[in-house]
Amino acid sequence: MKSFLKHILTIFMLVLTLSAVTVPALAADATDSEAAAAAAAEAGSGKAMAAAAVVGLAAAAGAIAMGMAIAKSVDGISRQPEAEGKIRTTLMLGLVFVETAVIYALIVAILIIFVL
């Protein structure tokens, strides 16, 4: 089971790395004046695709991370019920950090749409 999770994590990191390379390319505006006229119609769709990729990948990664954290915390509470308060506090802090990363991705998507 752990080997399966390692493979899933490796594939996810590969997809995340490739998206980090391709999203700026999708969001970039044309600098050549002739190409700018041809790309003006496609600029909005490229930005929308880049923003969707950023938010989609971040939301998927956040959901996986939150699910794993909750599963581990429930497992820990079931093994040591007397440590429930500490486990719950640590879980909530971890979930806040994961959700913050998703919110940062949303901010990046908004910047891609309105600034680039």
PDB file of N, CA and C in Angstrom:
ATOM      1  N   MET A   1       0.819  -1.196   0.000  1.00  0.00           N
ATOM      2  CA  MET A   1       0.000   0.000   0.000  1.00  0.00           C
ATOM      3  C   MET A   1       0.863   1.260   0.000  1.00  0.00           C
ATOM      4  N   LYS A   2       1.960   1.225   0.763  1.00  0.00           N
ATOM      5  CA  LYS A   2       2.829   2.394   0.809  1.00  0.00           C
ATOM      6  C   LYS A   2       3.517   2.630  -0.525  1.00  0.00           C
ATOM      7  N   SER A   3       3.839   1.547  -1.232  1.00  0.00           N
ATOM      8  CA  SER A   3       4.450   1.678  -2.544  1.00  0.00           C
ATOM      9  C   SER A   3       3.471   2.333  -3.524  1.00  0.00           C
ATOM     10  N   PHE A   4       2.203   1.971  -3.410  1.00  0.00           N
ATOM     11  CA  PHE A   4       1.178   2.570  -4.258  1.00  0.00           C
ATOM     12  C   PHE A   4       1.067   4.071  -4.000  1.00  0.00           C
ATOM     13  N   LEU A   5       1.087   4.460  -2.722  1.00  0.00           N
ATOM     14  CA  LEU A   5       1.009   5.881  -2.388  1.00  0.00           C
ATOM     15  C   LEU A   5       2.237   6.639  -2.878  1.00  0.00           C
ATOM     16  N   LYS A   6       3.409   5.988  -2.837  1.00  0.00           N
ATOM     17  CA  LYS A   6       4.614   6.630  -3.358  1.00  0.00           C
ATOM     18  C   LYS A   6       4.485   6.879  -4.860  1.00  0.00           C
ATOM     19  N   HIS A   7       3.932   5.907  -5.573  1.00  0.00           N
ATOM     20  CA  HIS A   7       3.759   6.073  -7.018  1.00  0.00           C
ATOM     21  C   HIS A   7       2.748   7.176  -7.326  1.00  0.00           C
ATOM     22  N   ILE A   8       1.671   7.214  -6.577  1.00  0.00           N
ATOM     23  CA  ILE A   8       0.673   8.262  -6.779  1.00  0.00           C
ATOM     24  C   ILE A   8       1.279   9.629  -6.497  1.00  0.00           C
ATOM     25  N   LEU A   9       2.049   9.725  -5.409  1.00  0.00           N
ATOM     26  CA  LEU A   9       2.686  10.992  -5.063  1.00  0.00           C
ATOM     27  C   LEU A   9       3.701  11.406  -6.119  1.00  0.00           C
ATOM     28  N   THR A  10       4.446  10.448  -6.653  1.00  0.00           N
ATOM     29  CA  THR A  10       5.416  10.748  -7.706  1.00  0.00           C
ATOM     30  C   THR A  10       4.721  11.256  -8.958  1.00  0.00           C
ATOM     31  N   ILE A  11       3.645  10.611  -9.349  1.00  0.00           N
ATOM     32  CA  ILE A  11       2.894  11.050 -10.530  1.00  0.00           C
ATOM     33  C   ILE A  11       2.305  12.434 -10.298  1.00  0.00           C
ATOM     34  N   PHE A  12       1.772  12.663  -9.097  1.00  0.00           N
ATOM     35  CA  PHE A  12       1.197  13.957  -8.790  1.00  0.00           C
ATOM     36  C   PHE A  12       2.253  15.058  -8.831  1.00  0.00           C
ATOM     37  N   MET A  13       3.426  14.788  -8.288  1.00  0.00           N
ATOM     38  CA  MET A  13       4.498  15.788  -8.307  1.00  0.00           C
ATOM     39  C   MET A  13       4.966  16.050  -9.737  1.00  0.00           C
ATOM     40  N   LEU A  14       4.984  15.026 -10.577  1.00  0.00           N
ATOM     41  CA  LEU A  14       5.354  15.210 -11.976  1.00  0.00           C
ATOM     42  C   LEU A  14       4.344  16.101 -12.687  1.00  0.00           C
ATOM     43  N   VAL A  15       3.058  15.837 -12.467  1.00  0.00           N
ATOM     44  CA  VAL A  15       2.018  16.663 -13.075  1.00  0.00           C
ATOM     45  C   VAL A  15       2.101  18.092 -12.562  1.00  0.00           C
ATOM     46  N   LEU A  16       2.346  18.257 -11.272  1.00  0.00           N
ATOM     47  CA  LEU A  16       2.452  19.589 -10.690  1.00  0.00           C
ATOM     48  C   LEU A  16       3.644  20.345 -11.256  1.00  0.00           C
ATOM     49  N   THR A  17       4.774  19.653 -11.432  1.00  0.00           N
ATOM     50  CA  THR A  17       5.954  20.295 -12.002  1.00  0.00           C
ATOM     51  C   THR A  17       5.718  20.684 -13.452  1.00  0.00           C
ATOM     52  N   LEU A  18       5.112  19.790 -14.218  1.00  0.00           N
ATOM     53  CA  LEU A  18       4.825  20.115 -15.617  1.00  0.00           C
ATOM     54  C   LEU A  18       3.836  21.269 -15.734  1.00  0.00           C
ATOM     55  N   SER A  19       2.870  21.325 -14.837  1.00  0.00           N
ATOM     56  CA  SER A  19       1.917  22.423 -14.895  1.00  0.00           C
ATOM     57  C   SER A  19       2.571  23.736 -14.497  1.00  0.00           C
ATOM     58  N   ALA A  20       3.534  23.686 -13.580  1.00  0.00           N
ATOM     59  CA  ALA A  20       4.241  24.907 -13.200  1.00  0.00           C
ATOM     60  C   ALA A  20       5.052  25.451 -14.367  1.00  0.00           C
ATOM     61  N   VAL A  21       5.478  24.573 -15.260  1.00  0.00           N
ATOM     62  CA  VAL A  21       6.226  25.006 -16.430  1.00  0.00           C
ATOM     63  C   VAL A  21       5.290  25.497 -17.527  1.00  0.00           C
ATOM     64  N   THR A  22       4.138  24.847 -17.699  1.00  0.00           N
ATOM     65  CA  THR A  22       3.268  25.184 -18.819  1.00  0.00           C
ATOM     66  C   THR A  22       2.289  26.316 -18.531  1.00  0.00           C
ATOM     67  N   VAL A  23       1.913  26.524 -17.281  1.00  0.00           N
ATOM     68  CA  VAL A  23       0.937  27.572 -16.974  1.00  0.00           C
ATOM     69  C   VAL A  23       1.443  28.955 -17.373  1.00  0.00           C
ATOM     70  N   PRO A  24       2.703  29.341 -17.064  1.00  0.00           N
ATOM     71  CA  PRO A  24       3.158  30.650 -17.538  1.00  0.00           C
ATOM     72  C   PRO A  24       3.166  30.766 -19.054  1.00  0.00           C
ATOM     73  N   ALA A  25       3.429  29.664 -19.752  1.00  0.00           N
ATOM     74  CA  ALA A  25       3.410  29.705 -21.210  1.00  0.00           C
ATOM     75  C   ALA A  25       2.000  29.939 -21.729  1.00  0.00           C
ATOM     76  N   LEU A  26       1.018  29.360 -21.060  1.00  0.00           N
ATOM     77  CA  LEU A  26      -0.367  29.572 -21.483  1.00  0.00           C
ATOM     78  C   LEU A  26      -0.837  30.987 -21.155  1.00  0.00           C
ATOM     79  N   ALA A  27      -0.302  31.567 -20.105  1.00  0.00           N
ATOM     80  CA  ALA A  27      -0.764  32.870 -19.669  1.00  0.00           C
ATOM     81  C   ALA A  27      -0.006  34.017 -20.320  1.00  0.00           C
ATOM     82  N   ALA A  28       1.113  33.743 -20.965  1.00  0.00           N
ATOM     83  CA  ALA A  28       1.938  34.803 -21.521  1.00  0.00           C
ATOM     84  C   ALA A  28       1.245  35.463 -22.708  1.00  0.00           C
ATOM     85  N   ASP A  29       1.372  36.769 -22.797  1.00  0.00           N
ATOM     86  CA  ASP A  29       0.832  37.529 -23.928  1.00  0.00           C
ATOM     87  C   ASP A  29       1.867  37.572 -25.049  1.00  0.00           C
ATOM     88  N   ALA A  30       1.415  37.722 -26.256  1.00  0.00           N
ATOM     89  CA  ALA A  30       2.315  37.830 -27.395  1.00  0.00           C
ATOM     90  C   ALA A  30       2.978  39.201 -27.390  1.00  0.00           C
ATOM     91  N   THR A  31       4.277  39.252 -27.676  1.00  0.00           N
ATOM     92  CA  THR A  31       4.996  40.520 -27.683  1.00  0.00           C
ATOM     93  C   THR A  31       5.151  41.076 -29.090  1.00  0.00           C
ATOM     94  N   ASP A  32       5.122  40.254 -30.106  1.00  0.00           N
ATOM     95  CA  ASP A  32       5.240  40.706 -31.478  1.00  0.00           C
ATOM     96  C   ASP A  32       3.927  41.351 -31.909  1.00  0.00           C
ATOM     97  N   SER A  33       4.004  42.478 -32.601  1.00  0.00           N
ATOM     98  CA  SER A  33       2.793  43.208 -32.973  1.00  0.00           C
ATOM     99  C   SER A  33       1.917  42.414 -33.937  1.00  0.00           C
ATOM    100  N   GLU A  34       2.526  41.661 -34.857  1.00  0.00           N
ATOM    101  CA  GLU A  34       1.735  40.855 -35.771  1.00  0.00           C
ATOM    102  C   GLU A  34       1.094  39.674 -35.045  1.00  0.00           C
ATOM    103  N   ALA A  35       1.841  39.080 -34.158  1.00  0.00           N
ATOM    104  CA  ALA A  35       1.315  37.941 -33.419  1.00  0.00           C
ATOM    105  C   ALA A  35       0.296  38.401 -32.382  1.00  0.00           C
ATOM    106  N   ALA A  36       0.431  39.636 -31.920  1.00  0.00           N
ATOM    107  CA  ALA A  36      -0.505  40.154 -30.918  1.00  0.00           C
ATOM    108  C   ALA A  36      -1.909  40.262 -31.497  1.00  0.00           C
ATOM    109  N   ALA A  37      -2.004  40.678 -32.764  1.00  0.00           N
ATOM    110  CA  ALA A  37      -3.320  40.790 -33.383  1.00  0.00           C
ATOM    111  C   ALA A  37      -3.960  39.409 -33.557  1.00  0.00           C
ATOM    112  N   ALA A  38      -3.149  38.425 -33.926  1.00  0.00           N
ATOM    113  CA  ALA A  38      -3.679  37.077 -34.123  1.00  0.00           C
ATOM    114  C   ALA A  38      -4.022  36.404 -32.798  1.00  0.00           C
ATOM    115  N   ALA A  39      -3.262  36.732 -31.758  1.00  0.00           N
ATOM    116  CA  ALA A  39      -3.466  36.072 -30.461  1.00  0.00           C
ATOM    117  C   ALA A  39      -4.452  36.810 -29.571  1.00  0.00           C
ATOM    118  N   ALA A  40      -4.942  37.955 -30.014  1.00  0.00           N
ATOM    119  CA  ALA A  40      -5.850  38.734 -29.169  1.00  0.00           C
ATOM    120  C   ALA A  40      -7.143  37.975 -28.884  1.00  0.00           C
ATOM    121  N   ALA A  41      -7.619  37.228 -29.862  1.00  0.00           N
ATOM    122  CA  ALA A  41      -8.853  36.475 -29.673  1.00  0.00           C
ATOM    123  C   ALA A  41      -8.649  35.284 -28.750  1.00  0.00           C
ATOM    124  N   GLU A  42      -7.437  34.726 -28.756  1.00  0.00           N
ATOM    125  CA  GLU A  42      -7.159  33.551 -27.944  1.00  0.00           C
ATOM    126  C   GLU A  42      -6.583  33.887 -26.577  1.00  0.00           C
ATOM    127  N   ALA A  43      -6.286  35.143 -26.316  1.00  0.00           N
ATOM    128  CA  ALA A  43      -5.653  35.512 -25.049  1.00  0.00           C
ATOM    129  C   ALA A  43      -6.548  35.214 -23.858  1.00  0.00           C
ATOM    130  N   GLY A  44      -7.821  35.507 -23.987  1.00  0.00           N
ATOM    131  CA  GLY A  44      -8.745  35.248 -22.886  1.00  0.00           C
ATOM    132  C   GLY A  44      -8.889  33.779 -22.593  1.00  0.00           C
ATOM    133  N   SER A  45      -8.938  32.956 -23.630  1.00  0.00           N
ATOM    134  CA  SER A  45      -9.092  31.514 -23.404  1.00  0.00           C
ATOM    135  C   SER A  45      -7.829  30.913 -22.823  1.00  0.00           C
ATOM    136  N   GLY A  46      -6.660  31.394 -23.231  1.00  0.00           N
ATOM    137  CA  GLY A  46      -5.399  30.901 -22.667  1.00  0.00           C
ATOM    138  C   GLY A  46      -5.277  31.251 -21.197  1.00  0.00           C
ATOM    139  N   LYS A  47      -5.667  32.467 -20.854  1.00  0.00           N
ATOM    140  CA  LYS A  47      -5.628  32.878 -19.454  1.00  0.00           C
ATOM    141  C   LYS A  47      -6.618  32.072 -18.622  1.00  0.00           C
ATOM    142  N   ALA A  48      -7.793  31.813 -19.183  1.00  0.00           N
ATOM    143  CA  ALA A  48      -8.797  31.037 -18.461  1.00  0.00           C
ATOM    144  C   ALA A  48      -8.314  29.607 -18.246  1.00  0.00           C
ATOM    145  N   MET A  49      -7.661  29.022 -19.254  1.00  0.00           N
ATOM    146  CA  MET A  49      -7.136  27.665 -19.100  1.00  0.00           C
ATOM    147  C   MET A  49      -6.031  27.624 -18.055  1.00  0.00           C
ATOM    148  N   ALA A  50      -5.163  28.634 -18.064  1.00  0.00           N
ATOM    149  CA  ALA A  50      -4.084  28.676 -17.082  1.00  0.00           C
ATOM    150  C   ALA A  50      -4.638  28.836 -15.674  1.00  0.00           C
ATOM    151  N   ALA A  51      -5.612  29.719 -15.506  1.00  0.00           N
ATOM    152  CA  ALA A  51      -6.211  29.925 -14.189  1.00  0.00           C
ATOM    153  C   ALA A  51      -6.930  28.668 -13.718  1.00  0.00           C
ATOM    154  N   ALA A  52      -7.621  28.000 -14.629  1.00  0.00           N
ATOM    155  CA  ALA A  52      -8.315  26.764 -14.262  1.00  0.00           C
ATOM    156  C   ALA A  52      -7.323  25.681 -13.869  1.00  0.00           C
ATOM    157  N   ALA A  53      -6.206  25.608 -14.559  1.00  0.00           N
ATOM    158  CA  ALA A  53      -5.190  24.613 -14.217  1.00  0.00           C
ATOM    159  C   ALA A  53      -4.595  24.879 -12.843  1.00  0.00           C
ATOM    160  N   VAL A  54      -4.324  26.144 -12.559  1.00  0.00           N
ATOM    161  CA  VAL A  54      -3.749  26.498 -11.253  1.00  0.00           C
ATOM    162  C   VAL A  54      -4.703  26.144 -10.130  1.00  0.00           C
ATOM    163  N   VAL A  55      -5.937  26.571 -10.239  1.00  0.00           N
ATOM    164  CA  VAL A  55      -6.905  26.332  -9.162  1.00  0.00           C
ATOM    165  C   VAL A  55      -7.258  24.852  -9.077  1.00  0.00           C
ATOM    166  N   GLY A  56      -7.410  24.191 -10.205  1.00  0.00           N
ATOM    167  CA  GLY A  56      -7.760  22.780 -10.198  1.00  0.00           C
ATOM    168  C   GLY A  56      -6.697  21.906  -9.561  1.00  0.00           C
ATOM    169  N   LEU A  57      -5.441  22.128  -9.926  1.00  0.00           N
ATOM    170  CA  LEU A  57      -4.365  21.341  -9.337  1.00  0.00           C
ATOM    171  C   LEU A  57      -4.208  21.634  -7.852  1.00  0.00           C
ATOM    172  N   ALA A  58      -4.317  22.889  -7.476  1.00  0.00           N
ATOM    173  CA  ALA A  58      -4.192  23.231  -6.058  1.00  0.00           C
ATOM    174  C   ALA A  58      -5.342  22.646  -5.247  1.00  0.00           C
ATOM    175  N   ALA A  59      -6.539  22.691  -5.786  1.00  0.00           N
ATOM    176  CA  ALA A  59      -7.684  22.133  -5.068  1.00  0.00           C
ATOM    177  C   ALA A  59      -7.569  20.614  -4.949  1.00  0.00           C
ATOM    178  N   ALA A  60      -7.108  19.957  -6.004  1.00  0.00           N
ATOM    179  CA  ALA A  60      -6.932  18.512  -5.946  1.00  0.00           C
ATOM    180  C   ALA A  60      -5.852  18.121  -4.936  1.00  0.00           C
ATOM    181  N   ALA A  61      -4.737  18.845  -4.973  1.00  0.00           N
ATOM    182  CA  ALA A  61      -3.664  18.555  -4.015  1.00  0.00           C
ATOM    183  C   ALA A  61      -4.120  18.836  -2.590  1.00  0.00           C
ATOM    184  N   GLY A  62      -4.848  19.924  -2.397  1.00  0.00           N
ATOM    185  CA  GLY A  62      -5.354  20.250  -1.069  1.00  0.00           C
ATOM    186  C   GLY A  62      -6.333  19.213  -0.558  1.00  0.00           C
ATOM    187  N   ALA A  63      -7.197  18.721  -1.442  1.00  0.00           N
ATOM    188  CA  ALA A  63      -8.168  17.706  -1.033  1.00  0.00           C
ATOM    189  C   ALA A  63      -7.477  16.404  -0.646  1.00  0.00           C
ATOM    190  N   ILE A  64      -6.471  16.018  -1.411  1.00  0.00           N
ATOM    191  CA  ILE A  64      -5.729  14.799  -1.078  1.00  0.00           C
ATOM    192  C   ILE A  64      -4.996  14.960   0.246  1.00  0.00           C
ATOM    193  N   ALA A  65      -4.348  16.110   0.420  1.00  0.00           N
ATOM    194  CA  ALA A  65      -3.609  16.352   1.659  1.00  0.00           C
ATOM    195  C   ALA A  65      -4.536  16.396   2.866  1.00  0.00           C
ATOM    196  N   MET A  66      -5.672  17.038   2.725  1.00  0.00           N
ATOM    197  CA  MET A  66      -6.625  17.103   3.842  1.00  0.00           C
ATOM    198  C   MET A  66      -7.183  15.717   4.172  1.00  0.00           C
ATOM    199  N   GLY A  67      -7.490  14.943   3.157  1.00  0.00           N
ATOM    200  CA  GLY A  67      -7.992  13.598   3.389  1.00  0.00           C
ATOM    201  C   GLY A  67      -6.982  12.725   4.111  1.00  0.00           C
ATOM    202  N   MET A  68      -5.725  12.820   3.698  1.00  0.00           N
ATOM    203  CA  MET A  68      -4.683  12.042   4.360  1.00  0.00           C
ATOM    204  C   MET A  68      -4.488  12.498   5.802  1.00  0.00           C
ATOM    205  N   ALA A  69      -4.517  13.810   6.034  1.00  0.00           N
ATOM    206  CA  ALA A  69      -4.332  14.338   7.389  1.00  0.00           C
ATOM    207  C   ALA A  69      -5.476  13.913   8.305  1.00  0.00           C
ATOM    208  N   ILE A  70      -6.678  13.983   7.798  1.00  0.00           N
ATOM    209  CA  ILE A  70      -7.838  13.593   8.616  1.00  0.00           C
ATOM    210  C   ILE A  70      -7.793  12.097   8.908  1.00  0.00           C
ATOM    211  N   ALA A  71      -7.423  11.293   7.919  1.00  0.00           N
ATOM    212  CA  ALA A  71      -7.345   9.850   8.135  1.00  0.00           C
ATOM    213  C   ALA A  71      -6.299   9.512   9.197  1.00  0.00           C
ATOM    214  N   LYS A  72      -5.154  10.171   9.122  1.00  0.00           N
ATOM    215  CA  LYS A  72      -4.102   9.905  10.106  1.00  0.00           C
ATOM    216  C   LYS A  72      -4.510  10.374  11.495  1.00  0.00           C
ATOM    217  N   SER A  73      -5.207  11.496  11.563  1.00  0.00           N
ATOM    218  CA  SER A  73      -5.614  11.987  12.885  1.00  0.00           C
ATOM    219  C   SER A  73      -6.673  11.082  13.508  1.00  0.00           C
ATOM    220  N   VAL A  74      -7.601  10.588  12.715  1.00  0.00           N
ATOM    221  CA  VAL A  74      -8.605   9.651  13.230  1.00  0.00           C
ATOM    222  C   VAL A  74      -7.925   8.365  13.694  1.00  0.00           C
ATOM    223  N   ASP A  75      -6.934   7.906  12.931  1.00  0.00           N
ATOM    224  CA  ASP A  75      -6.182   6.727  13.332  1.00  0.00           C
ATOM    225  C   ASP A  75      -5.445   6.973  14.647  1.00  0.00           C
ATOM    226  N   GLY A  76      -4.837   8.151  14.773  1.00  0.00           N
ATOM    227  CA  GLY A  76      -4.129   8.478  16.008  1.00  0.00           C
ATOM    228  C   GLY A  76      -5.056   8.597  17.206  1.00  0.00           C
ATOM    229  N   ILE A  77      -6.219   9.182  16.993  1.00  0.00           N
ATOM    230  CA  ILE A  77      -7.188   9.316  18.092  1.00  0.00           C
ATOM    231  C   ILE A  77      -7.718   7.945  18.503  1.00  0.00           C
ATOM    232  N   SER A  78      -7.917   7.052  17.528  1.00  0.00           N
ATOM    233  CA  SER A  78      -8.423   5.724  17.877  1.00  0.00           C
ATOM    234  C   SER A  78      -7.382   4.912  18.642  1.00  0.00           C
ATOM    235  N   ARG A  79      -6.106   5.178  18.381  1.00  0.00           N
ATOM    236  CA  ARG A  79      -5.052   4.457  19.096  1.00  0.00           C
ATOM    237  C   ARG A  79      -4.786   5.050  20.476  1.00  0.00           C
ATOM    238  N   GLN A  80      -4.883   6.374  20.589  1.00  0.00           N
ATOM    239  CA  GLN A  80      -4.626   7.050  21.864  1.00  0.00           C
ATOM    240  C   GLN A  80      -5.734   8.059  22.140  1.00  0.00           C
ATOM    241  N   PRO A  81      -6.845   7.618  22.667  1.00  0.00           N
ATOM    242  CA  PRO A  81      -7.965   8.528  22.913  1.00  0.00           C
ATOM    243  C   PRO A  81      -7.636   9.651  23.895  1.00  0.00           C
ATOM    244  N   GLU A  82      -6.670   9.413  24.780  1.00  0.00           N
ATOM    245  CA  GLU A  82      -6.322  10.450  25.755  1.00  0.00           C
ATOM    246  C   GLU A  82      -5.594  11.625  25.118  1.00  0.00           C
ATOM    247  N   ALA A  83      -5.055  11.464  23.916  1.00  0.00           N
ATOM    248  CA  ALA A  83      -4.342  12.540  23.225  1.00  0.00           C
ATOM    249  C   ALA A  83      -5.225  13.238  22.201  1.00  0.00           C
ATOM    250  N   GLU A  84      -6.529  13.095  22.324  1.00  0.00           N
ATOM    251  CA  GLU A  84      -7.448  13.646  21.324  1.00  0.00           C
ATOM    252  C   GLU A  84      -7.310  15.156  21.169  1.00  0.00           C
ATOM    253  N   GLY A  85      -7.193  15.866  22.266  1.00  0.00           N
ATOM    254  CA  GLY A  85      -7.107  17.332  22.200  1.00  0.00           C
ATOM    255  C   GLY A  85      -5.880  17.811  21.449  1.00  0.00           C
ATOM    256  N   LYS A  86      -4.729  17.229  21.742  1.00  0.00           N
ATOM    257  CA  LYS A  86      -3.497  17.629  21.066  1.00  0.00           C
ATOM    258  C   LYS A  86      -3.530  17.255  19.583  1.00  0.00           C
ATOM    259  N   ILE A  87      -4.058  16.066  19.294  1.00  0.00           N
ATOM    260  CA  ILE A  87      -4.136  15.636  17.893  1.00  0.00           C
ATOM    261  C   ILE A  87      -5.076  16.540  17.113  1.00  0.00           C
ATOM    262  N   ARG A  88      -6.209  16.880  17.704  1.00  0.00           N
ATOM    263  CA  ARG A  88      -7.175  17.738  17.025  1.00  0.00           C
ATOM    264  C   ARG A  88      -6.596  19.138  16.779  1.00  0.00           C
ATOM    265  N   THR A  89      -5.888  19.675  17.764  1.00  0.00           N
ATOM    266  CA  THR A  89      -5.278  20.997  17.605  1.00  0.00           C
ATOM    267  C   THR A  89      -4.253  20.991  16.477  1.00  0.00           C
ATOM    268  N   THR A  90      -3.410  19.971  16.461  1.00  0.00           N
ATOM    269  CA  THR A  90      -2.404  19.862  15.406  1.00  0.00           C
ATOM    270  C   THR A  90      -3.061  19.662  14.044  1.00  0.00           C
ATOM    271  N   LEU A  91      -4.125  18.881  14.003  1.00  0.00           N
ATOM    272  CA  LEU A  91      -4.856  18.661  12.752  1.00  0.00           C
ATOM    273  C   LEU A  91      -5.420  19.973  12.218  1.00  0.00           C
ATOM    274  N   MET A  92      -6.048  20.739  13.078  1.00  0.00           N
ATOM    275  CA  MET A  92      -6.644  22.006  12.627  1.00  0.00           C
ATOM    276  C   MET A  92      -5.579  22.967  12.107  1.00  0.00           C
ATOM    277  N   LEU A  93      -4.445  23.023  12.778  1.00  0.00           N
ATOM    278  CA  LEU A  93      -3.359  23.884  12.321  1.00  0.00           C
ATOM    279  C   LEU A  93      -2.849  23.427  10.953  1.00  0.00           C
ATOM    280  N   GLY A  94      -2.702  22.123  10.775  1.00  0.00           N
ATOM    281  CA  GLY A  94      -2.266  21.596   9.479  1.00  0.00           C
ATOM    282  C   GLY A  94      -3.270  21.854   8.374  1.00  0.00           C
ATOM    283  N   LEU A  95      -4.560  21.708   8.684  1.00  0.00           N
ATOM    284  CA  LEU A  95      -5.589  21.976   7.680  1.00  0.00           C
ATOM    285  C   LEU A  95      -5.608  23.445   7.274  1.00  0.00           C
ATOM    286  N   VAL A  96      -5.338  24.318   8.228  1.00  0.00           N
ATOM    287  CA  VAL A  96      -5.271  25.754   7.910  1.00  0.00           C
ATOM    288  C   VAL A  96      -4.131  26.026   6.932  1.00  0.00           C
ATOM    289  N   PHE A  97      -2.986  25.400   7.151  1.00  0.00           N
ATOM    290  CA  PHE A  97      -1.855  25.615   6.243  1.00  0.00           C
ATOM    291  C   PHE A  97      -2.139  25.066   4.845  1.00  0.00           C
ATOM    292  N   VAL A  98      -2.785  23.920   4.766  1.00  0.00           N
ATOM    293  CA  VAL A  98      -3.133  23.350   3.454  1.00  0.00           C
ATOM    294  C   VAL A  98      -4.126  24.264   2.738  1.00  0.00           C
ATOM    295  N   GLU A  99      -5.125  24.732   3.460  1.00  0.00           N
ATOM    296  CA  GLU A  99      -6.130  25.601   2.849  1.00  0.00           C
ATOM    297  C   GLU A  99      -5.512  26.934   2.424  1.00  0.00           C
ATOM    298  N   THR A 100      -4.525  27.409   3.164  1.00  0.00           N
ATOM    299  CA  THR A 100      -3.841  28.642   2.787  1.00  0.00           C
ATOM    300  C   THR A 100      -3.131  28.475   1.452  1.00  0.00           C
ATOM    301  N   ALA A 101      -2.532  27.323   1.219  1.00  0.00           N
ATOM    302  CA  ALA A 101      -1.876  27.079  -0.065  1.00  0.00           C
ATOM    303  C   ALA A 101      -2.883  27.092  -1.215  1.00  0.00           C
ATOM    304  N   VAL A 102      -4.079  26.570  -0.985  1.00  0.00           N
ATOM    305  CA  VAL A 102      -5.124  26.594  -2.013  1.00  0.00           C
ATOM    306  C   VAL A 102      -5.578  28.036  -2.266  1.00  0.00           C
ATOM    307  N   ILE A 103      -5.685  28.829  -1.226  1.00  0.00           N
ATOM    308  CA  ILE A 103      -6.080  30.232  -1.388  1.00  0.00           C
ATOM    309  C   ILE A 103      -5.003  31.002  -2.145  1.00  0.00           C
ATOM    310  N   TYR A 104      -3.733  30.694  -1.882  1.00  0.00           N
ATOM    311  CA  TYR A 104      -2.650  31.328  -2.650  1.00  0.00           C
ATOM    312  C   TYR A 104      -2.773  30.983  -4.135  1.00  0.00           C
ATOM    313  N   ALA A 105      -3.134  29.759  -4.448  1.00  0.00           N
ATOM    314  CA  ALA A 105      -3.323  29.373  -5.850  1.00  0.00           C
ATOM    315  C   ALA A 105      -4.479  30.145  -6.475  1.00  0.00           C
ATOM    316  N   LEU A 106      -5.530  30.377  -5.702  1.00  0.00           N
ATOM    317  CA  LEU A 106      -6.647  31.174  -6.212  1.00  0.00           C
ATOM    318  C   LEU A 106      -6.201  32.604  -6.495  1.00  0.00           C
ATOM    319  N   ILE A 107      -5.367  33.155  -5.638  1.00  0.00           N
ATOM    320  CA  ILE A 107      -4.850  34.513  -5.854  1.00  0.00           C
ATOM    321  C   ILE A 107      -3.989  34.551  -7.108  1.00  0.00           C
ATOM    322  N   VAL A 108      -3.166  33.510  -7.317  1.00  0.00           N
ATOM    323  CA  VAL A 108      -2.356  33.451  -8.530  1.00  0.00           C
ATOM    324  C   VAL A 108      -3.251  33.380  -9.764  1.00  0.00           C
ATOM    325  N   ALA A 109      -4.316  32.618  -9.693  1.00  0.00           N
ATOM    326  CA  ALA A 109      -5.238  32.520 -10.829  1.00  0.00           C
ATOM    327  C   ALA A 109      -5.893  33.858 -11.118  1.00  0.00           C
ATOM    328  N   ILE A 110      -6.275  34.574 -10.084  1.00  0.00           N
ATOM    329  CA  ILE A 110      -6.867  35.910 -10.284  1.00  0.00           C
ATOM    330  C   ILE A 110      -5.845  36.848 -10.901  1.00  0.00           C
ATOM    331  N   LEU A 111      -4.583  36.763 -10.457  1.00  0.00           N
ATOM    332  CA  LEU A 111      -3.535  37.598 -11.051  1.00  0.00           C
ATOM    333  C   LEU A 111      -3.307  37.248 -12.515  1.00  0.00           C
ATOM    334  N   ILE A 112      -3.360  35.960 -12.839  1.00  0.00           N
ATOM    335  CA  ILE A 112      -3.188  35.553 -14.238  1.00  0.00           C
ATOM    336  C   ILE A 112      -4.286  36.159 -15.103  1.00  0.00           C
ATOM    337  N   ILE A 113      -5.508  36.130 -14.617  1.00  0.00           N
ATOM    338  CA  ILE A 113      -6.614  36.621 -15.425  1.00  0.00           C
ATOM    339  C   ILE A 113      -6.580  38.141 -15.573  1.00  0.00           C
ATOM    340  N   PHE A 114      -6.333  38.858 -14.490  1.00  0.00           N
ATOM    341  CA  PHE A 114      -6.496  40.318 -14.539  1.00  0.00           C
ATOM    342  C   PHE A 114      -5.228  41.106 -14.740  1.00  0.00           C
ATOM    343  N   VAL A 115      -4.053  40.540 -14.455  1.00  0.00           N
ATOM    344  CA  VAL A 115      -2.815  41.313 -14.573  1.00  0.00           C
ATOM    345  C   VAL A 115      -2.049  40.965 -15.835  1.00  0.00           C
ATOM    346  N   LEU A 116      -1.947  39.695 -16.172  1.00  0.00           N
ATOM    347  CA  LEU A 116      -1.171  39.320 -17.358  1.00  0.00           C
ATOM    348  C   LEU A 116      -1.908  39.627 -18.639  1.00  0.00           C
TER     349      LEU A 116
END
